[in-house]
Amino acid sequence: MSEDEKDYHYFRIHDTDKNDRLDGLEVLKAVNHLMEEEMDDINNTTSSSDQRLLLDQQFKLVVELVDKVLELDDIDGDGLLSFAEFVSGRRRGNENLSK
């Protein structure tokens, strides 16, 4: 599968209301999807009280991340990410990671 196909598939599965736009909750679910595996590793190696603290910290970081994604990637300012805005932001993020 090409990168474009992966982006399209990822966008479509998180566009739960099928309006061809991702709102903040859909972006939150998409980000959470990426972090689930990481949390499985944490859950297997930490106590339950530490897990709660980590989950609380992670939630705050995810909310900040979603706000930042919408701030940076929502070019037309409508509070939603179109596919083009999603891809543009994702590519910019990948470029920043590779620096």
PDB file of N, CA and C in Angstrom:
ATOM      1  N   MET A   1       0.850  -1.172   0.000  1.00  0.00           N
ATOM      2  CA  MET A   1       0.000   0.000   0.000  1.00  0.00           C
ATOM      3  C   MET A   1       0.902   1.244   0.000  1.00  0.00           C
ATOM      4  N   SER A   2       0.622   2.190  -0.846  1.00  0.00           N
ATOM      5  CA  SER A   2       1.422   3.411  -0.920  1.00  0.00           C
ATOM      6  C   SER A   2       1.121   4.314   0.281  1.00  0.00           C
ATOM      7  N   GLU A   3       1.968   5.313   0.507  1.00  0.00           N
ATOM      8  CA  GLU A   3       1.745   6.266   1.598  1.00  0.00           C
ATOM      9  C   GLU A   3       0.435   7.018   1.406  1.00  0.00           C
ATOM     10  N   ASP A   4       0.124   7.387   0.164  1.00  0.00           N
ATOM     11  CA  ASP A   4      -1.140   8.077  -0.115  1.00  0.00           C
ATOM     12  C   ASP A   4      -2.329   7.193   0.227  1.00  0.00           C
ATOM     13  N   GLU A   5      -2.246   5.920  -0.118  1.00  0.00           N
ATOM     14  CA  GLU A   5      -3.330   4.989   0.202  1.00  0.00           C
ATOM     15  C   GLU A   5      -3.470   4.796   1.710  1.00  0.00           C
ATOM     16  N   LYS A   6      -2.341   4.711   2.396  1.00  0.00           N
ATOM     17  CA  LYS A   6      -2.376   4.586   3.852  1.00  0.00           C
ATOM     18  C   LYS A   6      -3.022   5.819   4.487  1.00  0.00           C
ATOM     19  N   ASP A   7      -2.628   7.001   4.017  1.00  0.00           N
ATOM     20  CA  ASP A   7      -3.213   8.240   4.543  1.00  0.00           C
ATOM     21  C   ASP A   7      -4.722   8.256   4.324  1.00  0.00           C
ATOM     22  N   TYR A   8      -5.145   7.891   3.120  1.00  0.00           N
ATOM     23  CA  TYR A   8      -6.576   7.903   2.807  1.00  0.00           C
ATOM     24  C   TYR A   8      -7.327   6.906   3.700  1.00  0.00           C
ATOM     25  N   HIS A   9      -6.793   5.715   3.841  1.00  0.00           N
ATOM     26  CA  HIS A   9      -7.437   4.697   4.666  1.00  0.00           C
ATOM     27  C   HIS A   9      -7.517   5.165   6.123  1.00  0.00           C
ATOM     28  N   TYR A  10      -6.430   5.676   6.646  1.00  0.00           N
ATOM     29  CA  TYR A  10      -6.393   6.162   8.029  1.00  0.00           C
ATOM     30  C   TYR A  10      -7.415   7.282   8.232  1.00  0.00           C
ATOM     31  N   PHE A  11      -7.480   8.207   7.275  1.00  0.00           N
ATOM     32  CA  PHE A  11      -8.450   9.307   7.354  1.00  0.00           C
ATOM     33  C   PHE A  11      -9.869   8.761   7.350  1.00  0.00           C
ATOM     34  N   ARG A  12     -10.163   7.863   6.443  1.00  0.00           N
ATOM     35  CA  ARG A  12     -11.525   7.328   6.303  1.00  0.00           C
ATOM     36  C   ARG A  12     -11.991   6.563   7.540  1.00  0.00           C
ATOM     37  N   ILE A  13     -11.094   5.756   8.138  1.00  0.00           N
ATOM     38  CA  ILE A  13     -11.549   4.981   9.294  1.00  0.00           C
ATOM     39  C   ILE A  13     -11.780   5.865  10.516  1.00  0.00           C
ATOM     40  N   HIS A  14     -11.162   7.036  10.565  1.00  0.00           N
ATOM     41  CA  HIS A  14     -11.382   7.931  11.706  1.00  0.00           C
ATOM     42  C   HIS A  14     -12.455   8.981  11.438  1.00  0.00           C
ATOM     43  N   ASP A  15     -12.931   9.085  10.212  1.00  0.00           N
ATOM     44  CA  ASP A  15     -14.041   9.987   9.876  1.00  0.00           C
ATOM     45  C   ASP A  15     -15.348   9.258  10.179  1.00  0.00           C
ATOM     46  N   THR A  16     -15.661   9.140  11.463  1.00  0.00           N
ATOM     47  CA  THR A  16     -16.780   8.288  11.880  1.00  0.00           C
ATOM     48  C   THR A  16     -18.144   8.811  11.443  1.00  0.00           C
ATOM     49  N   ASP A  17     -18.291  10.115  11.274  1.00  0.00           N
ATOM     50  CA  ASP A  17     -19.581  10.639  10.818  1.00  0.00           C
ATOM     51  C   ASP A  17     -19.658  10.766   9.295  1.00  0.00           C
ATOM     52  N   LYS A  18     -18.603  10.361   8.610  1.00  0.00           N
ATOM     53  CA  LYS A  18     -18.544  10.299   7.140  1.00  0.00           C
ATOM     54  C   LYS A  18     -18.881  11.628   6.457  1.00  0.00           C
ATOM     55  N   ASN A  19     -18.377  12.729   7.056  1.00  0.00           N
ATOM     56  CA  ASN A  19     -18.609  14.037   6.439  1.00  0.00           C
ATOM     57  C   ASN A  19     -17.366  14.563   5.715  1.00  0.00           C
ATOM     58  N   ASP A  20     -16.380  13.687   5.524  1.00  0.00           N
ATOM     59  CA  ASP A  20     -15.130  14.024   4.842  1.00  0.00           C
ATOM     60  C   ASP A  20     -14.325  15.104   5.557  1.00  0.00           C
ATOM     61  N   ARG A  21     -14.508  15.202   6.856  1.00  0.00           N
ATOM     62  CA  ARG A  21     -13.768  16.128   7.706  1.00  0.00           C
ATOM     63  C   ARG A  21     -13.542  15.443   9.054  1.00  0.00           C
ATOM     64  N   LEU A  22     -12.394  15.707   9.676  1.00  0.00           N
ATOM     65  CA  LEU A  22     -12.137  15.212  11.027  1.00  0.00           C
ATOM     66  C   LEU A  22     -12.331  16.353  12.018  1.00  0.00           C
ATOM     67  N   ASP A  23     -13.221  16.124  12.989  1.00  0.00           N
ATOM     68  CA  ASP A  23     -13.374  17.108  14.053  1.00  0.00           C
ATOM     69  C   ASP A  23     -12.423  16.751  15.192  1.00  0.00           C
ATOM     70  N   GLY A  24     -12.440  17.550  16.257  1.00  0.00           N
ATOM     71  CA  GLY A  24     -11.516  17.331  17.364  1.00  0.00           C
ATOM     72  C   GLY A  24     -11.634  15.958  17.993  1.00  0.00           C
ATOM     73  N   LEU A  25     -12.853  15.454  18.148  1.00  0.00           N
ATOM     74  CA  LEU A  25     -13.035  14.128  18.740  1.00  0.00           C
ATOM     75  C   LEU A  25     -12.500  13.030  17.834  1.00  0.00           C
ATOM     76  N   GLU A  26     -12.690  13.184  16.534  1.00  0.00           N
ATOM     77  CA  GLU A  26     -12.159  12.193  15.592  1.00  0.00           C
ATOM     78  C   GLU A  26     -10.630  12.230  15.569  1.00  0.00           C
ATOM     79  N   VAL A  27     -10.054  13.433  15.669  1.00  0.00           N
ATOM     80  CA  VAL A  27      -8.597  13.548  15.752  1.00  0.00           C
ATOM     81  C   VAL A  27      -8.113  12.909  17.053  1.00  0.00           C
ATOM     82  N   LEU A  28      -8.839  13.148  18.142  1.00  0.00           N
ATOM     83  CA  LEU A  28      -8.487  12.541  19.424  1.00  0.00           C
ATOM     84  C   LEU A  28      -8.473  11.022  19.327  1.00  0.00           C
ATOM     85  N   LYS A  29      -9.493  10.455  18.688  1.00  0.00           N
ATOM     86  CA  LYS A  29      -9.544   9.000  18.530  1.00  0.00           C
ATOM     87  C   LYS A  29      -8.408   8.502  17.643  1.00  0.00           C
ATOM     88  N   ALA A  30      -8.059   9.267  16.629  1.00  0.00           N
ATOM     89  CA  ALA A  30      -6.962   8.862  15.748  1.00  0.00           C
ATOM     90  C   ALA A  30      -5.635   8.868  16.504  1.00  0.00           C
ATOM     91  N   VAL A  31      -5.398   9.910  17.292  1.00  0.00           N
ATOM     92  CA  VAL A  31      -4.176   9.986  18.084  1.00  0.00           C
ATOM     93  C   VAL A  31      -4.162   8.858  19.112  1.00  0.00           C
ATOM     94  N   ASN A  32      -5.303   8.621  19.751  1.00  0.00           N
ATOM     95  CA  ASN A  32      -5.401   7.556  20.744  1.00  0.00           C
ATOM     96  C   ASN A  32      -5.109   6.197  20.117  1.00  0.00           C
ATOM     97  N   HIS A  33      -5.573   6.019  18.894  1.00  0.00           N
ATOM     98  CA  HIS A  33      -5.329   4.776  18.162  1.00  0.00           C
ATOM     99  C   HIS A  33      -3.827   4.509  18.071  1.00  0.00           C
ATOM    100  N   LEU A  34      -3.064   5.543  17.799  1.00  0.00           N
ATOM    101  CA  LEU A  34      -1.620   5.405  17.671  1.00  0.00           C
ATOM    102  C   LEU A  34      -0.943   5.103  19.010  1.00  0.00           C
ATOM    103  N   MET A  35      -1.545   5.563  20.102  1.00  0.00           N
ATOM    104  CA  MET A  35      -0.911   5.429  21.405  1.00  0.00           C
ATOM    105  C   MET A  35      -1.328   4.162  22.155  1.00  0.00           C
ATOM    106  N   GLU A  36      -2.312   3.423  21.661  1.00  0.00           N
ATOM    107  CA  GLU A  36      -2.804   2.244  22.372  1.00  0.00           C
ATOM    108  C   GLU A  36      -1.717   1.195  22.590  1.00  0.00           C
ATOM    109  N   GLU A  37      -0.922   0.932  21.600  1.00  0.00           N
ATOM    110  CA  GLU A  37       0.137  -0.067  21.741  1.00  0.00           C
ATOM    111  C   GLU A  37       1.148   0.356  22.798  1.00  0.00           C
ATOM    112  N   GLU A  38       1.475   1.625  22.793  1.00  0.00           N
ATOM    113  CA  GLU A  38       2.415   2.138  23.789  1.00  0.00           C
ATOM    114  C   GLU A  38       1.855   1.949  25.204  1.00  0.00           C
ATOM    115  N   MET A  39       0.567   2.190  25.369  1.00  0.00           N
ATOM    116  CA  MET A  39      -0.055   2.030  26.682  1.00  0.00           C
ATOM    117  C   MET A  39      -0.106   0.569  27.101  1.00  0.00           C
ATOM    118  N   ASP A  40      -0.268  -0.345  26.177  1.00  0.00           N
ATOM    119  CA  ASP A  40      -0.241  -1.771  26.521  1.00  0.00           C
ATOM    120  C   ASP A  40       1.092  -2.137  27.162  1.00  0.00           C
ATOM    121  N   ASP A  41       2.179  -1.608  26.622  1.00  0.00           N
ATOM    122  CA  ASP A  41       3.500  -1.867  27.195  1.00  0.00           C
ATOM    123  C   ASP A  41       3.604  -1.295  28.615  1.00  0.00           C
ATOM    124  N   ILE A  42       3.088  -0.085  28.803  1.00  0.00           N
ATOM    125  CA  ILE A  42       3.125   0.544  30.128  1.00  0.00           C
ATOM    126  C   ILE A  42       2.290  -0.262  31.117  1.00  0.00           C
ATOM    127  N   ASN A  43       1.102  -0.700  30.704  1.00  0.00           N
ATOM    128  CA  ASN A  43       0.216  -1.449  31.596  1.00  0.00           C
ATOM    129  C   ASN A  43       0.842  -2.754  32.059  1.00  0.00           C
ATOM    130  N   ASN A  44       1.689  -3.332  31.254  1.00  0.00           N
ATOM    131  CA  ASN A  44       2.316  -4.604  31.614  1.00  0.00           C
ATOM    132  C   ASN A  44       3.504  -4.438  32.558  1.00  0.00           C
ATOM    133  N   THR A  45       3.970  -3.198  32.753  1.00  0.00           N
ATOM    134  CA  THR A  45       5.195  -3.013  33.539  1.00  0.00           C
ATOM    135  C   THR A  45       5.042  -2.069  34.726  1.00  0.00           C
ATOM    136  N   THR A  46       3.839  -1.520  34.999  1.00  0.00           N
ATOM    137  CA  THR A  46       3.692  -0.563  36.091  1.00  0.00           C
ATOM    138  C   THR A  46       2.520  -0.935  36.997  1.00  0.00           C
ATOM    139  N   SER A  47       2.545  -0.394  38.208  1.00  0.00           N
ATOM    140  CA  SER A  47       1.465  -0.647  39.165  1.00  0.00           C
ATOM    141  C   SER A  47       0.213   0.124  38.753  1.00  0.00           C
ATOM    142  N   SER A  48      -0.931  -0.243  39.339  1.00  0.00           N
ATOM    143  CA  SER A  48      -2.194   0.394  38.949  1.00  0.00           C
ATOM    144  C   SER A  48      -2.239   1.867  39.328  1.00  0.00           C
ATOM    145  N   SER A  49      -1.656   2.254  40.468  1.00  0.00           N
ATOM    146  CA  SER A  49      -1.657   3.680  40.835  1.00  0.00           C
ATOM    147  C   SER A  49      -0.766   4.478  39.887  1.00  0.00           C
ATOM    148  N   ASP A  50       0.368   3.894  39.503  1.00  0.00           N
ATOM    149  CA  ASP A  50       1.240   4.556  38.530  1.00  0.00           C
ATOM    150  C   ASP A  50       0.565   4.634  37.165  1.00  0.00           C
ATOM    151  N   GLN A  51      -0.194   3.605  36.817  1.00  0.00           N
ATOM    152  CA  GLN A  51      -0.921   3.601  35.545  1.00  0.00           C
ATOM    153  C   GLN A  51      -1.916   4.741  35.496  1.00  0.00           C
ATOM    154  N   ARG A  52      -2.648   4.964  36.586  1.00  0.00           N
ATOM    155  CA  ARG A  52      -3.628   6.061  36.617  1.00  0.00           C
ATOM    156  C   ARG A  52      -2.952   7.408  36.426  1.00  0.00           C
ATOM    157  N   LEU A  53      -1.823   7.606  37.096  1.00  0.00           N
ATOM    158  CA  LEU A  53      -1.081   8.854  36.954  1.00  0.00           C
ATOM    159  C   LEU A  53      -0.592   9.030  35.517  1.00  0.00           C
ATOM    160  N   LEU A  54      -0.052   7.973  34.945  1.00  0.00           N
ATOM    161  CA  LEU A  54       0.424   8.034  33.562  1.00  0.00           C
ATOM    162  C   LEU A  54      -0.715   8.302  32.591  1.00  0.00           C
ATOM    163  N   LEU A  55      -1.862   7.670  32.815  1.00  0.00           N
ATOM    164  CA  LEU A  55      -3.016   7.894  31.936  1.00  0.00           C
ATOM    165  C   LEU A  55      -3.500   9.336  32.025  1.00  0.00           C
ATOM    166  N   ASP A  56      -3.524   9.885  33.237  1.00  0.00           N
ATOM    167  CA  ASP A  56      -3.938  11.275  33.414  1.00  0.00           C
ATOM    168  C   ASP A  56      -2.981  12.213  32.684  1.00  0.00           C
ATOM    169  N   GLN A  57      -1.687  11.982  32.835  1.00  0.00           N
ATOM    170  CA  GLN A  57      -0.692  12.803  32.150  1.00  0.00           C
ATOM    171  C   GLN A  57      -0.801  12.637  30.642  1.00  0.00           C
ATOM    172  N   GLN A  58      -1.007  11.397  30.197  1.00  0.00           N
ATOM    173  CA  GLN A  58      -1.124  11.144  28.772  1.00  0.00           C
ATOM    174  C   GLN A  58      -2.356  11.846  28.196  1.00  0.00           C
ATOM    175  N   PHE A  59      -3.477  11.800  28.923  1.00  0.00           N
ATOM    176  CA  PHE A  59      -4.698  12.452  28.434  1.00  0.00           C
ATOM    177  C   PHE A  59      -4.463  13.948  28.247  1.00  0.00           C
ATOM    178  N   LYS A  60      -3.823  14.586  29.212  1.00  0.00           N
ATOM    179  CA  LYS A  60      -3.553  16.026  29.101  1.00  0.00           C
ATOM    180  C   LYS A  60      -2.669  16.320  27.884  1.00  0.00           C
ATOM    181  N   LEU A  61      -1.660  15.486  27.688  1.00  0.00           N
ATOM    182  CA  LEU A  61      -0.779  15.678  26.531  1.00  0.00           C
ATOM    183  C   LEU A  61      -1.523  15.475  25.212  1.00  0.00           C
ATOM    184  N   VAL A  62      -2.409  14.477  25.173  1.00  0.00           N
ATOM    185  CA  VAL A  62      -3.161  14.196  23.955  1.00  0.00           C
ATOM    186  C   VAL A  62      -4.099  15.359  23.637  1.00  0.00           C
ATOM    187  N   VAL A  63      -4.769  15.892  24.656  1.00  0.00           N
ATOM    188  CA  VAL A  63      -5.667  17.038  24.435  1.00  0.00           C
ATOM    189  C   VAL A  63      -4.873  18.220  23.891  1.00  0.00           C
ATOM    190  N   GLU A  64      -3.706  18.486  24.467  1.00  0.00           N
ATOM    191  CA  GLU A  64      -2.853  19.566  23.961  1.00  0.00           C
ATOM    192  C   GLU A  64      -2.423  19.294  22.523  1.00  0.00           C
ATOM    193  N   LEU A  65      -2.101  18.037  22.232  1.00  0.00           N
ATOM    194  CA  LEU A  65      -1.681  17.660  20.884  1.00  0.00           C
ATOM    195  C   LEU A  65      -2.806  17.874  19.878  1.00  0.00           C
ATOM    196  N   VAL A  66      -4.025  17.468  20.227  1.00  0.00           N
ATOM    197  CA  VAL A  66      -5.171  17.651  19.329  1.00  0.00           C
ATOM    198  C   VAL A  66      -5.393  19.139  19.071  1.00  0.00           C
ATOM    199  N   ASP A  67      -5.347  19.945  20.131  1.00  0.00           N
ATOM    200  CA  ASP A  67      -5.505  21.395  19.959  1.00  0.00           C
ATOM    201  C   ASP A  67      -4.431  21.954  19.031  1.00  0.00           C
ATOM    202  N   LYS A  68      -3.193  21.487  19.189  1.00  0.00           N
ATOM    203  CA  LYS A  68      -2.088  21.971  18.355  1.00  0.00           C
ATOM    204  C   LYS A  68      -2.258  21.530  16.901  1.00  0.00           C
ATOM    205  N   VAL A  69      -2.694  20.276  16.710  1.00  0.00           N
ATOM    206  CA  VAL A  69      -2.936  19.778  15.345  1.00  0.00           C
ATOM    207  C   VAL A  69      -3.978  20.647  14.655  1.00  0.00           C
ATOM    208  N   LEU A  70      -5.082  20.918  15.337  1.00  0.00           N
ATOM    209  CA  LEU A  70      -6.125  21.745  14.725  1.00  0.00           C
ATOM    210  C   LEU A  70      -5.624  23.163  14.482  1.00  0.00           C
ATOM    211  N   GLU A  71      -4.844  23.699  15.408  1.00  0.00           N
ATOM    212  CA  GLU A  71      -4.306  25.046  15.244  1.00  0.00           C
ATOM    213  C   GLU A  71      -3.385  25.141  14.029  1.00  0.00           C
ATOM    214  N   LEU A  72      -2.514  24.159  13.870  1.00  0.00           N
ATOM    215  CA  LEU A  72      -1.520  24.207  12.789  1.00  0.00           C
ATOM    216  C   LEU A  72      -2.053  23.739  11.440  1.00  0.00           C
ATOM    217  N   ASP A  73      -2.929  22.741  11.451  1.00  0.00           N
ATOM    218  CA  ASP A  73      -3.316  22.085  10.200  1.00  0.00           C
ATOM    219  C   ASP A  73      -4.643  22.552   9.625  1.00  0.00           C
ATOM    220  N   ASP A  74      -5.481  23.173  10.429  1.00  0.00           N
ATOM    221  CA  ASP A  74      -6.793  23.627   9.960  1.00  0.00           C
ATOM    222  C   ASP A  74      -6.629  24.957   9.218  1.00  0.00           C
ATOM    223  N   ILE A  75      -6.229  24.860   7.972  1.00  0.00           N
ATOM    224  CA  ILE A  75      -5.875  26.044   7.173  1.00  0.00           C
ATOM    225  C   ILE A  75      -7.049  27.010   7.000  1.00  0.00           C
ATOM    226  N   ASP A  76      -8.254  26.480   6.768  1.00  0.00           N
ATOM    227  CA  ASP A  76      -9.396  27.367   6.531  1.00  0.00           C
ATOM    228  C   ASP A  76     -10.093  27.815   7.818  1.00  0.00           C
ATOM    229  N   GLY A  77      -9.625  27.336   8.983  1.00  0.00           N
ATOM    230  CA  GLY A  77     -10.135  27.808  10.266  1.00  0.00           C
ATOM    231  C   GLY A  77     -11.550  27.395  10.609  1.00  0.00           C
ATOM    232  N   ASP A  78     -12.044  26.300   9.996  1.00  0.00           N
ATOM    233  CA  ASP A  78     -13.423  25.888  10.272  1.00  0.00           C
ATOM    234  C   ASP A  78     -13.537  24.906  11.440  1.00  0.00           C
ATOM    235  N   GLY A  79     -12.407  24.588  12.095  1.00  0.00           N
ATOM    236  CA  GLY A  79     -12.432  23.665  13.221  1.00  0.00           C
ATOM    237  C   GLY A  79     -12.434  22.202  12.819  1.00  0.00           C
ATOM    238  N   LEU A  80     -12.298  21.938  11.532  1.00  0.00           N
ATOM    239  CA  LEU A  80     -12.302  20.577  10.995  1.00  0.00           C
ATOM    240  C   LEU A  80     -11.113  20.394  10.062  1.00  0.00           C
ATOM    241  N   LEU A  81     -10.645  19.149   9.960  1.00  0.00           N
ATOM    242  CA  LEU A  81      -9.563  18.857   9.017  1.00  0.00           C
ATOM    243  C   LEU A  81     -10.122  18.154   7.797  1.00  0.00           C
ATOM    244  N   SER A  82      -9.964  18.774   6.643  1.00  0.00           N
ATOM    245  CA  SER A  82     -10.288  18.101   5.391  1.00  0.00           C
ATOM    246  C   SER A  82      -9.178  17.087   5.119  1.00  0.00           C
ATOM    247  N   PHE A  83      -9.377  16.236   4.136  1.00  0.00           N
ATOM    248  CA  PHE A  83      -8.339  15.265   3.794  1.00  0.00           C
ATOM    249  C   PHE A  83      -7.058  15.983   3.382  1.00  0.00           C
ATOM    250  N   ALA A  84      -7.176  17.036   2.588  1.00  0.00           N
ATOM    251  CA  ALA A  84      -5.992  17.781   2.146  1.00  0.00           C
ATOM    252  C   ALA A  84      -5.244  18.384   3.334  1.00  0.00           C
ATOM    253  N   GLU A  85      -5.979  18.953   4.295  1.00  0.00           N
ATOM    254  CA  GLU A  85      -5.348  19.524   5.480  1.00  0.00           C
ATOM    255  C   GLU A  85      -4.682  18.424   6.321  1.00  0.00           C
ATOM    256  N   PHE A  86      -5.359  17.287   6.428  1.00  0.00           N
ATOM    257  CA  PHE A  86      -4.835  16.143   7.171  1.00  0.00           C
ATOM    258  C   PHE A  86      -3.516  15.672   6.571  1.00  0.00           C
ATOM    259  N   VAL A  87      -3.509  15.479   5.263  1.00  0.00           N
ATOM    260  CA  VAL A  87      -2.301  14.991   4.583  1.00  0.00           C
ATOM    261  C   VAL A  87      -1.182  16.017   4.688  1.00  0.00           C
ATOM    262  N   SER A  88      -1.499  17.273   4.490  1.00  0.00           N
ATOM    263  CA  SER A  88      -0.491  18.324   4.576  1.00  0.00           C
ATOM    264  C   SER A  88       0.152  18.349   5.964  1.00  0.00           C
ATOM    265  N   GLY A  89      -0.670  18.274   6.998  1.00  0.00           N
ATOM    266  CA  GLY A  89      -0.149  18.271   8.363  1.00  0.00           C
ATOM    267  C   GLY A  89       0.653  17.028   8.671  1.00  0.00           C
ATOM    268  N   ARG A  90       0.194  15.908   8.185  1.00  0.00           N
ATOM    269  CA  ARG A  90       0.891  14.635   8.425  1.00  0.00           C
ATOM    270  C   ARG A  90       2.266  14.643   7.748  1.00  0.00           C
ATOM    271  N   ARG A  91       2.316  15.144   6.535  1.00  0.00           N
ATOM    272  CA  ARG A  91       3.595  15.216   5.818  1.00  0.00           C
ATOM    273  C   ARG A  91       4.552  16.188   6.520  1.00  0.00           C
ATOM    274  N   ARG A  92       4.011  17.315   6.967  1.00  0.00           N
ATOM    275  CA  ARG A  92       4.849  18.293   7.680  1.00  0.00           C
ATOM    276  C   ARG A  92       5.387  17.669   8.976  1.00  0.00           C
ATOM    277  N   GLY A  93       4.533  16.926   9.666  1.00  0.00           N
ATOM    278  CA  GLY A  93       4.970  16.236  10.883  1.00  0.00           C
ATOM    279  C   GLY A  93       6.045  15.213  10.611  1.00  0.00           C
ATOM    280  N   ASN A  94       5.895  14.458   9.523  1.00  0.00           N
ATOM    281  CA  ASN A  94       6.911  13.470   9.161  1.00  0.00           C
ATOM    282  C   ASN A  94       8.243  14.131   8.819  1.00  0.00           C
ATOM    283  N   GLU A  95       8.174  15.274   8.135  1.00  0.00           N
ATOM    284  CA  GLU A  95       9.393  16.003   7.785  1.00  0.00           C
ATOM    285  C   GLU A  95      10.099  16.489   9.054  1.00  0.00           C
ATOM    286  N   ASN A  96       9.313  16.987  10.004  1.00  0.00           N
ATOM    287  CA  ASN A  96       9.907  17.482  11.253  1.00  0.00           C
ATOM    288  C   ASN A  96      10.555  16.351  12.044  1.00  0.00           C
ATOM    289  N   LEU A  97       9.967  15.164  11.994  1.00  0.00           N
ATOM    290  CA  LEU A  97      10.537  14.024  12.707  1.00  0.00           C
ATOM    291  C   LEU A  97      11.845  13.553  12.097  1.00  0.00           C
ATOM    292  N   SER A  98      11.959  13.723  10.789  1.00  0.00           N
ATOM    293  CA  SER A  98      13.161  13.236  10.102  1.00  0.00           C
ATOM    294  C   SER A  98      14.336  14.225  10.200  1.00  0.00           C
ATOM    295  N   LYS A  99      14.115  15.383  10.755  1.00  0.00           N
ATOM    296  CA  LYS A  99      15.199  16.392  10.895  1.00  0.00           C
ATOM    297  C   LYS A  99      16.064  16.085  12.085  1.00  0.00           C
TER     298      LYS A  99
END
